[in-house]
Protein backbone atom coordinates (compact mmCIF):
# COMPACT_ATOMS: atom_id res chain seq x y z
CA MET A 1 79.57 -4.44 55.33
CA ALA A 2 77.01 -2.56 57.34
CA ARG A 3 76.70 1.10 56.38
CA ILE A 4 76.70 2.40 59.94
CA CYS A 5 78.88 5.04 61.57
CA ASP A 6 81.02 3.42 64.29
CA LEU A 7 80.89 6.48 66.55
CA CYS A 8 77.30 7.77 66.48
CA GLY A 9 75.44 4.80 64.92
CA LYS A 10 74.00 6.79 62.04
CA ARG A 11 72.54 4.50 59.36
CA ARG A 12 70.42 4.70 56.24
CA GLN A 13 66.97 6.24 56.47
CA ILE A 14 63.96 5.64 54.27
CA GLY A 15 61.65 8.46 53.26
CA LYS A 16 59.08 9.37 50.63
CA GLN A 17 59.63 11.45 47.53
CA SER A 18 56.73 13.13 45.72
CA ARG A 19 56.73 13.46 41.96
CA HIS A 20 54.65 16.65 41.97
CA LYS A 21 54.68 19.62 44.28
CA ARG A 22 51.48 20.84 45.86
CA GLY A 23 49.57 23.08 43.50
CA VAL A 24 50.82 21.65 40.20
CA ALA A 25 48.06 21.52 37.56
CA GLY A 26 45.54 23.43 39.68
CA LYS A 27 45.94 21.18 42.75
CA GLN A 28 44.60 18.21 40.86
CA TRP A 29 47.77 16.19 41.39
CA ALA A 30 47.98 16.94 45.10
CA ASN A 31 46.03 13.83 46.07
CA ARG A 32 46.94 11.63 43.10
CA ALA A 33 50.70 12.18 42.97
CA GLN A 34 52.70 8.98 43.29
CA LYS A 35 54.92 8.96 46.36
CA THR A 36 57.94 6.75 45.84
CA LEU A 37 60.22 5.43 48.54
CA ARG A 38 63.86 6.43 48.47
CA VAL A 39 66.87 5.71 50.66
CA TYR A 40 68.96 8.42 52.30
CA MET A 41 72.51 7.15 52.87
CA PRO A 42 74.93 8.65 55.43
CA ASN A 43 78.18 10.26 54.28
CA LEU A 44 80.59 7.52 55.47
CA HIS A 45 84.38 7.45 55.17
CA LYS A 46 86.96 4.89 56.26
CA ILE A 47 89.64 6.58 58.35
CA THR A 48 92.39 5.42 60.69
CA ILE A 49 92.61 6.85 64.20
CA ASP A 50 95.51 5.74 66.43
CA GLY A 51 96.04 2.63 64.32
CA ILE A 52 92.36 1.62 64.43
CA ARG A 53 90.41 1.64 61.18
CA MET A 54 86.91 3.06 61.62
CA THR A 55 83.97 3.98 59.42
CA LEU A 56 82.75 7.44 60.42
CA CYS A 57 80.17 9.85 59.04
CA GLY A 58 81.14 13.34 57.91
CA LYS A 59 79.70 14.98 61.02
CA CYS A 60 81.79 12.80 63.36
CA ILE A 61 84.95 13.45 61.33
CA LYS A 62 84.36 17.21 61.68
CA LEU A 63 83.78 16.73 65.40
CA LEU A 64 87.05 14.82 65.86
CA LYS A 65 89.05 17.30 63.78
CA GLY A 66 87.72 20.16 65.90
CA LYS A 67 89.03 18.62 69.12
CA LYS A 68 92.66 19.69 69.39
CA PRO A 69 94.96 18.98 72.32
CA GLU A 70 94.81 21.65 74.99
CA LYS A 71 97.72 24.03 75.14
CA LYS A 72 99.48 24.34 78.45
CA THR A 73 99.79 28.02 79.22
CA ALA A 74 102.09 29.36 81.84
CA ILE A 75 100.27 31.44 84.41
CA THR A 76 102.42 34.26 85.71
CA ALA A 77 101.46 36.40 88.64
């Protein structure tokens, strides 16, 4: 199973993580600190919309929940 949002296409991202912050031990570790790779995974959930099962990220779920059907208001003059 691919870990990709079906609506926006968000997928995992790879970044670097430092073991030491800048300035630790009198700035001696700033250049020597090991930078390890880590994987950032999206917040995916399997939900059913209109009988269709989809895998959506948390941001898309919030977006869909925010869209409510428009209310028909009677305009009186």
